[in-house]
Amino acid sequence: TTEIYTLSLHDALPISLDIHFSTVSTLHLCCIAIDRYYAIVRPLKYSTNMTVRVAAAMIGIAWTTPTLISFLPIFLGWYTTEDHLKWRKEHPDICLLKANVPYALLSSTLTFWLPVSVMLIMYRRVYKEAQRQKVRSENVLPRFTLMHNIIHKILRYVFLKYTEFNHSFYYNTNITIYMNSMDMKCQLPCIACS
């Protein structure tokens, strides 16, 4: 018969809580990365995809999934070898976590490598979108400024040519002018006059 040696509650609980909370922290960072991805890369779909229900599900998964990696394997003794469990039985005063290879690989993959990979992918896409928006805004701003300047020069020319006006009023911050024979109001800010 095979005898199963498990850690005492005094030893297993701190180890399980440490693994659990570390994993929860990593998964929370992963959830934040996914939220930022939808907010920046897919802003039109953000309100439909990131609802309160989805956020609650993400947080719920971030808190319950680590239980499968921390509490179950440690309390049931799956995390280590049979020799180490026997050693633990003989040395109950020494608290030592010695993980076997399958648990170490599975635990590190699910608690660190997988969430970090998801975060890197999400933040890479967010960075690429930010770069794309930066280039787009740099291309749009000069055209907007050029068009803005042309319109103001035309309005200034029309205004000065066809109206008699005291130029000292022209440089006030916001002057309402009635153009000759037109019922149209025109607002000329001071910046456009210089």
C-alpha atoms as a PDB file:
ATOM      1  CA  THR A   1       0.000   0.000   0.000  1.00  0.00           C
ATOM      2  CA  THR A   2       1.150   3.495  -0.792  1.00  0.00           C
ATOM      3  CA  GLU A   3       1.029   5.903   2.082  1.00  0.00           C
ATOM      4  CA  ILE A   4       0.219   9.521   1.187  1.00  0.00           C
ATOM      5  CA  TYR A   5       2.163  12.145   3.094  1.00  0.00           C
ATOM      6  CA  THR A   6       0.814  15.659   2.930  1.00  0.00           C
ATOM      7  CA  LEU A   7       1.899  18.948   4.442  1.00  0.00           C
ATOM      8  CA  SER A   8       0.286  20.094   7.635  1.00  0.00           C
ATOM      9  CA  LEU A   9      -2.082  23.046   7.481  1.00  0.00           C
ATOM     10  CA  HIS A  10       0.537  25.152   9.242  1.00  0.00           C
ATOM     11  CA  ASP A  11       3.041  24.491   6.415  1.00  0.00           C
ATOM     12  CA  ALA A  12       0.739  24.185   3.412  1.00  0.00           C
ATOM     13  CA  LEU A  13      -1.393  27.272   3.947  1.00  0.00           C
ATOM     14  CA  PRO A  14       1.368  29.937   3.745  1.00  0.00           C
ATOM     15  CA  ILE A  15       2.890  28.262   0.684  1.00  0.00           C
ATOM     16  CA  SER A  16      -0.504  27.932  -1.010  1.00  0.00           C
ATOM     17  CA  LEU A  17      -1.457  31.525  -0.226  1.00  0.00           C
ATOM     18  CA  ASP A  18       1.881  32.788  -1.543  1.00  0.00           C
ATOM     19  CA  ILE A  19       1.445  30.958  -4.858  1.00  0.00           C
ATOM     20  CA  HIS A  20      -2.251  31.914  -5.026  1.00  0.00           C
ATOM     21  CA  PHE A  21      -1.767  35.663  -4.459  1.00  0.00           C
ATOM     22  CA  SER A  22       1.248  35.854  -6.774  1.00  0.00           C
ATOM     23  CA  THR A  23      -0.790  34.221  -9.531  1.00  0.00           C
ATOM     24  CA  VAL A  24      -3.799  36.477  -8.848  1.00  0.00           C
ATOM     25  CA  SER A  25      -1.532  39.522  -9.135  1.00  0.00           C
ATOM     26  CA  THR A  26      -0.143  38.356 -12.484  1.00  0.00           C
ATOM     27  CA  LEU A  27      -3.619  37.560 -13.804  1.00  0.00           C
ATOM     28  CA  HIS A  28      -4.879  40.999 -12.730  1.00  0.00           C
ATOM     29  CA  LEU A  29      -2.089  42.587 -14.768  1.00  0.00           C
ATOM     30  CA  CYS A  30      -3.143  40.381 -17.677  1.00  0.00           C
ATOM     31  CA  CYS A  31      -6.775  41.573 -17.324  1.00  0.00           C
ATOM     32  CA  ILE A  32      -5.609  45.203 -17.297  1.00  0.00           C
ATOM     33  CA  ALA A  33      -3.613  44.590 -20.485  1.00  0.00           C
ATOM     34  CA  ILE A  34      -6.669  43.090 -22.205  1.00  0.00           C
ATOM     35  CA  ASP A  35      -8.815  46.030 -21.045  1.00  0.00           C
ATOM     36  CA  ARG A  36      -6.297  48.563 -22.371  1.00  0.00           C
ATOM     37  CA  TYR A  37      -6.056  46.678 -25.643  1.00  0.00           C
ATOM     38  CA  TYR A  38      -9.798  47.002 -26.236  1.00  0.00           C
ATOM     39  CA  ALA A  39      -9.842  50.627 -25.045  1.00  0.00           C
ATOM     40  CA  ILE A  40      -7.043  51.743 -27.384  1.00  0.00           C
ATOM     41  CA  VAL A  41      -6.965  49.345 -30.332  1.00  0.00           C
ATOM     42  CA  ARG A  42     -10.704  48.645 -30.593  1.00  0.00           C
ATOM     43  CA  PRO A  43     -12.374  51.710 -29.052  1.00  0.00           C
ATOM     44  CA  LEU A  44     -15.623  51.297 -30.981  1.00  0.00           C
ATOM     45  CA  LYS A  45     -16.043  47.745 -29.682  1.00  0.00           C
ATOM     46  CA  TYR A  46     -14.923  48.570 -26.135  1.00  0.00           C
ATOM     47  CA  SER A  47     -18.353  49.272 -24.685  1.00  0.00           C
ATOM     48  CA  THR A  48     -19.848  46.146 -26.240  1.00  0.00           C
ATOM     49  CA  ASN A  49     -16.963  43.810 -25.372  1.00  0.00           C
ATOM     50  CA  MET A  50     -15.899  45.150 -21.966  1.00  0.00           C
ATOM     51  CA  THR A  51     -19.143  45.142 -20.020  1.00  0.00           C
ATOM     52  CA  VAL A  52     -19.555  44.879 -16.249  1.00  0.00           C
ATOM     53  CA  ARG A  53     -20.356  41.182 -16.699  1.00  0.00           C
ATOM     54  CA  VAL A  54     -17.163  40.575 -18.685  1.00  0.00           C
ATOM     55  CA  ALA A  55     -15.066  42.517 -16.154  1.00  0.00           C
ATOM     56  CA  ALA A  56     -16.628  40.536 -13.284  1.00  0.00           C
ATOM     57  CA  ALA A  57     -15.938  37.267 -15.130  1.00  0.00           C
ATOM     58  CA  MET A  58     -12.317  38.264 -15.744  1.00  0.00           C
ATOM     59  CA  ILE A  59     -11.815  39.131 -12.075  1.00  0.00           C
ATOM     60  CA  GLY A  60     -13.594  35.940 -10.998  1.00  0.00           C
ATOM     61  CA  ILE A  61     -11.348  33.827 -13.224  1.00  0.00           C
ATOM     62  CA  ALA A  62      -8.278  35.692 -11.942  1.00  0.00           C
ATOM     63  CA  TRP A  63      -9.212  34.742  -8.363  1.00  0.00           C
ATOM     64  CA  THR A  64     -10.504  31.176  -8.821  1.00  0.00           C
ATOM     65  CA  THR A  65      -8.087  29.728 -11.385  1.00  0.00           C
ATOM     66  CA  PRO A  66      -5.011  30.045  -9.111  1.00  0.00           C
ATOM     67  CA  THR A  67      -6.751  27.743  -6.624  1.00  0.00           C
ATOM     68  CA  LEU A  68      -6.192  24.888  -9.068  1.00  0.00           C
ATOM     69  CA  ILE A  69      -2.481  25.666  -9.170  1.00  0.00           C
ATOM     70  CA  SER A  70      -1.863  26.472  -5.517  1.00  0.00           C
ATOM     71  CA  PHE A  71      -4.198  24.866  -2.971  1.00  0.00           C
ATOM     72  CA  LEU A  72      -5.080  21.575  -4.673  1.00  0.00           C
ATOM     73  CA  PRO A  73      -1.587  20.392  -5.660  1.00  0.00           C
ATOM     74  CA  ILE A  74       0.019  21.454  -2.390  1.00  0.00           C
ATOM     75  CA  PHE A  75      -2.616  20.114  -0.004  1.00  0.00           C
ATOM     76  CA  LEU A  76      -2.902  16.857  -1.953  1.00  0.00           C
ATOM     77  CA  GLY A  77       0.867  16.444  -2.294  1.00  0.00           C
ATOM     78  CA  TRP A  78       0.928  16.541  -6.120  1.00  0.00           C
ATOM     79  CA  TYR A  79       3.544  19.288  -6.151  1.00  0.00           C
ATOM     80  CA  THR A  80       6.505  17.140  -5.117  1.00  0.00           C
ATOM     81  CA  THR A  81       8.045  13.674  -5.207  1.00  0.00           C
ATOM     82  CA  GLU A  82       7.137  10.814  -2.914  1.00  0.00           C
ATOM     83  CA  ASP A  83      10.648  10.877  -1.433  1.00  0.00           C
ATOM     84  CA  HIS A  84      10.263  14.520  -0.429  1.00  0.00           C
ATOM     85  CA  LEU A  85       6.878  13.813   1.166  1.00  0.00           C
ATOM     86  CA  LYS A  86       8.466  11.055   3.259  1.00  0.00           C
ATOM     87  CA  TRP A  87      11.288  13.433   4.209  1.00  0.00           C
ATOM     88  CA  ARG A  88       8.678  16.022   5.215  1.00  0.00           C
ATOM     89  CA  LYS A  89       7.011  13.444   7.457  1.00  0.00           C
ATOM     90  CA  GLU A  90      10.347  12.760   9.171  1.00  0.00           C
ATOM     91  CA  HIS A  91      11.231  16.477   9.486  1.00  0.00           C
ATOM     92  CA  PRO A  92       7.955  18.242  10.339  1.00  0.00           C
ATOM     93  CA  ASP A  93       9.761  21.243  11.865  1.00  0.00           C
ATOM     94  CA  ILE A  94      11.381  22.227   8.526  1.00  0.00           C
ATOM     95  CA  CYS A  95       9.118  23.857   5.943  1.00  0.00           C
ATOM     96  CA  LEU A  96      10.611  23.297   2.507  1.00  0.00           C
ATOM     97  CA  LEU A  97       8.868  23.389  -0.864  1.00  0.00           C
ATOM     98  CA  LYS A  98      10.549  21.077  -3.321  1.00  0.00           C
ATOM     99  CA  ALA A  99       8.541  20.920  -6.549  1.00  0.00           C
ATOM    100  CA  ASN A 100       8.648  18.055  -9.020  1.00  0.00           C
ATOM    101  CA  VAL A 101       9.295  18.764 -12.702  1.00  0.00           C
ATOM    102  CA  PRO A 102       5.690  18.430 -13.985  1.00  0.00           C
ATOM    103  CA  TYR A 103       4.339  20.740 -11.263  1.00  0.00           C
ATOM    104  CA  ALA A 104       7.158  23.241 -11.769  1.00  0.00           C
ATOM    105  CA  LEU A 105       6.563  23.373 -15.531  1.00  0.00           C
ATOM    106  CA  LEU A 106       2.773  23.523 -15.280  1.00  0.00           C
ATOM    107  CA  SER A 107       2.787  26.030 -12.437  1.00  0.00           C
ATOM    108  CA  SER A 108       5.333  28.382 -14.000  1.00  0.00           C
ATOM    109  CA  THR A 109       3.607  28.211 -17.396  1.00  0.00           C
ATOM    110  CA  LEU A 110       0.120  28.922 -16.057  1.00  0.00           C
ATOM    111  CA  THR A 111       1.125  31.465 -13.424  1.00  0.00           C
ATOM    112  CA  PHE A 112       3.841  33.380 -15.249  1.00  0.00           C
ATOM    113  CA  TRP A 113       4.729  32.529 -18.840  1.00  0.00           C
ATOM    114  CA  LEU A 114       1.195  32.406 -20.264  1.00  0.00           C
ATOM    115  CA  PRO A 115      -0.057  35.650 -18.620  1.00  0.00           C
ATOM    116  CA  VAL A 116       3.165  37.490 -19.457  1.00  0.00           C
ATOM    117  CA  SER A 117       2.932  36.321 -23.084  1.00  0.00           C
ATOM    118  CA  VAL A 118      -0.652  37.616 -23.282  1.00  0.00           C
ATOM    119  CA  MET A 119       0.459  40.943 -21.750  1.00  0.00           C
ATOM    120  CA  LEU A 120       3.362  41.299 -24.188  1.00  0.00           C
ATOM    121  CA  ILE A 121       1.109  40.605 -27.177  1.00  0.00           C
ATOM    122  CA  MET A 122      -1.554  43.065 -25.960  1.00  0.00           C
ATOM    123  CA  TYR A 123       0.916  45.847 -25.147  1.00  0.00           C
ATOM    124  CA  ARG A 124       2.765  45.318 -28.436  1.00  0.00           C
ATOM    125  CA  ARG A 125      -0.527  45.879 -30.284  1.00  0.00           C
ATOM    126  CA  VAL A 126      -1.308  48.912 -28.105  1.00  0.00           C
ATOM    127  CA  TYR A 127       2.154  50.328 -28.870  1.00  0.00           C
ATOM    128  CA  LYS A 128       1.737  49.758 -32.618  1.00  0.00           C
ATOM    129  CA  GLU A 129      -1.678  51.484 -32.508  1.00  0.00           C
ATOM    130  CA  ALA A 130      -0.207  54.425 -30.596  1.00  0.00           C
ATOM    131  CA  GLN A 131       2.567  54.736 -33.193  1.00  0.00           C
ATOM    132  CA  ARG A 132      -0.001  54.581 -36.015  1.00  0.00           C
ATOM    133  CA  GLN A 133      -2.120  57.288 -34.384  1.00  0.00           C
ATOM    134  CA  LYS A 134       0.967  59.439 -33.832  1.00  0.00           C
ATOM    135  CA  VAL A 135       1.891  59.269 -37.524  1.00  0.00           C
ATOM    136  CA  ARG A 136      -1.713  59.955 -38.524  1.00  0.00           C
ATOM    137  CA  SER A 137      -1.949  63.011 -36.259  1.00  0.00           C
ATOM    138  CA  GLU A 138       1.377  64.355 -37.578  1.00  0.00           C
ATOM    139  CA  ASN A 139       0.035  64.058 -41.138  1.00  0.00           C
ATOM    140  CA  VAL A 140      -3.342  65.641 -40.365  1.00  0.00           C
ATOM    141  CA  LEU A 141      -2.156  68.615 -38.286  1.00  0.00           C
ATOM    142  CA  PRO A 142      -0.087  70.372 -40.994  1.00  0.00           C
ATOM    143  CA  ARG A 143      -2.969  70.109 -43.479  1.00  0.00           C
ATOM    144  CA  PHE A 144      -5.408  71.460 -40.899  1.00  0.00           C
ATOM    145  CA  THR A 145      -3.054  74.334 -39.991  1.00  0.00           C
ATOM    146  CA  LEU A 146      -2.457  75.188 -43.659  1.00  0.00           C
ATOM    147  CA  MET A 147      -6.190  75.229 -44.430  1.00  0.00           C
ATOM    148  CA  HIS A 148      -6.876  77.247 -41.294  1.00  0.00           C
ATOM    149  CA  ASN A 149      -4.275  79.861 -42.302  1.00  0.00           C
ATOM    150  CA  ILE A 150      -5.583  80.111 -45.878  1.00  0.00           C
ATOM    151  CA  ILE A 151      -9.172  80.666 -44.709  1.00  0.00           C
ATOM    152  CA  HIS A 152      -8.116  83.381 -42.272  1.00  0.00           C
ATOM    153  CA  LYS A 153      -5.978  85.144 -44.873  1.00  0.00           C
ATOM    154  CA  ILE A 154      -8.913  85.165 -47.288  1.00  0.00           C
ATOM    155  CA  LEU A 155     -11.267  86.497 -44.606  1.00  0.00           C
ATOM    156  CA  ARG A 156      -8.721  89.119 -43.569  1.00  0.00           C
ATOM    157  CA  TYR A 157      -8.230  90.252 -47.154  1.00  0.00           C
ATOM    158  CA  VAL A 158     -11.975  90.422 -47.827  1.00  0.00           C
ATOM    159  CA  PHE A 159     -12.603  92.215 -44.564  1.00  0.00           C
ATOM    160  CA  LEU A 160      -9.829  94.815 -44.985  1.00  0.00           C
ATOM    161  CA  LYS A 161     -10.514  95.408 -48.666  1.00  0.00           C
ATOM    162  CA  TYR A 162     -14.268  95.852 -48.471  1.00  0.00           C
ATOM    163  CA  THR A 163     -14.781  97.537 -45.112  1.00  0.00           C
ATOM    164  CA  GLU A 164     -13.596 100.679 -43.454  1.00  0.00           C
ATOM    165  CA  PHE A 165     -12.360  99.604 -40.067  1.00  0.00           C
ATOM    166  CA  ASN A 166     -10.259 100.942 -37.231  1.00  0.00           C
ATOM    167  CA  HIS A 167      -7.248  98.592 -37.164  1.00  0.00           C
ATOM    168  CA  SER A 168      -6.750  98.818 -33.382  1.00  0.00           C
ATOM    169  CA  PHE A 169     -10.070  96.984 -32.872  1.00  0.00           C
ATOM    170  CA  TYR A 170      -9.027  94.355 -35.381  1.00  0.00           C
ATOM    171  CA  TYR A 171      -6.394  92.947 -33.009  1.00  0.00           C
ATOM    172  CA  ASN A 172      -8.763  92.420 -30.077  1.00  0.00           C
ATOM    173  CA  THR A 173      -9.252  88.791 -29.084  1.00  0.00           C
ATOM    174  CA  ASN A 174     -12.694  88.214 -30.570  1.00  0.00           C
ATOM    175  CA  ILE A 175     -14.416  90.838 -32.713  1.00  0.00           C
ATOM    176  CA  THR A 176     -17.775  90.401 -34.394  1.00  0.00           C
ATOM    177  CA  ILE A 177     -17.834  92.118 -37.763  1.00  0.00           C
ATOM    178  CA  TYR A 178     -20.628  92.800 -40.170  1.00  0.00           C
ATOM    179  CA  MET A 179     -19.279  92.623 -43.707  1.00  0.00           C
ATOM    180  CA  ASN A 180     -20.503  95.145 -46.289  1.00  0.00           C
ATOM    181  CA  SER A 181     -23.852  94.288 -47.778  1.00  0.00           C
ATOM    182  CA  MET A 182     -23.910  90.861 -46.110  1.00  0.00           C
ATOM    183  CA  ASP A 183     -25.933  89.681 -43.169  1.00  0.00           C
ATOM    184  CA  MET A 184     -23.229  87.170 -42.257  1.00  0.00           C
ATOM    185  CA  LYS A 185     -21.396  87.441 -38.932  1.00  0.00           C
ATOM    186  CA  CYS A 186     -17.709  86.602 -38.923  1.00  0.00           C
ATOM    187  CA  GLN A 187     -15.637  85.912 -35.800  1.00  0.00           C
ATOM    188  CA  LEU A 188     -11.926  86.677 -36.242  1.00  0.00           C
ATOM    189  CA  PRO A 189      -9.656  85.577 -33.412  1.00  0.00           C
ATOM    190  CA  CYS A 190      -6.503  87.576 -32.738  1.00  0.00           C
ATOM    191  CA  ILE A 191      -4.200  84.661 -33.637  1.00  0.00           C
ATOM    192  CA  ALA A 192      -5.406  84.671 -37.236  1.00  0.00           C
ATOM    193  CA  CYS A 193      -4.721  88.378 -37.622  1.00  0.00           C
ATOM    194  CA  SER A 194      -1.014  88.230 -37.076  1.00  0.00           C
END
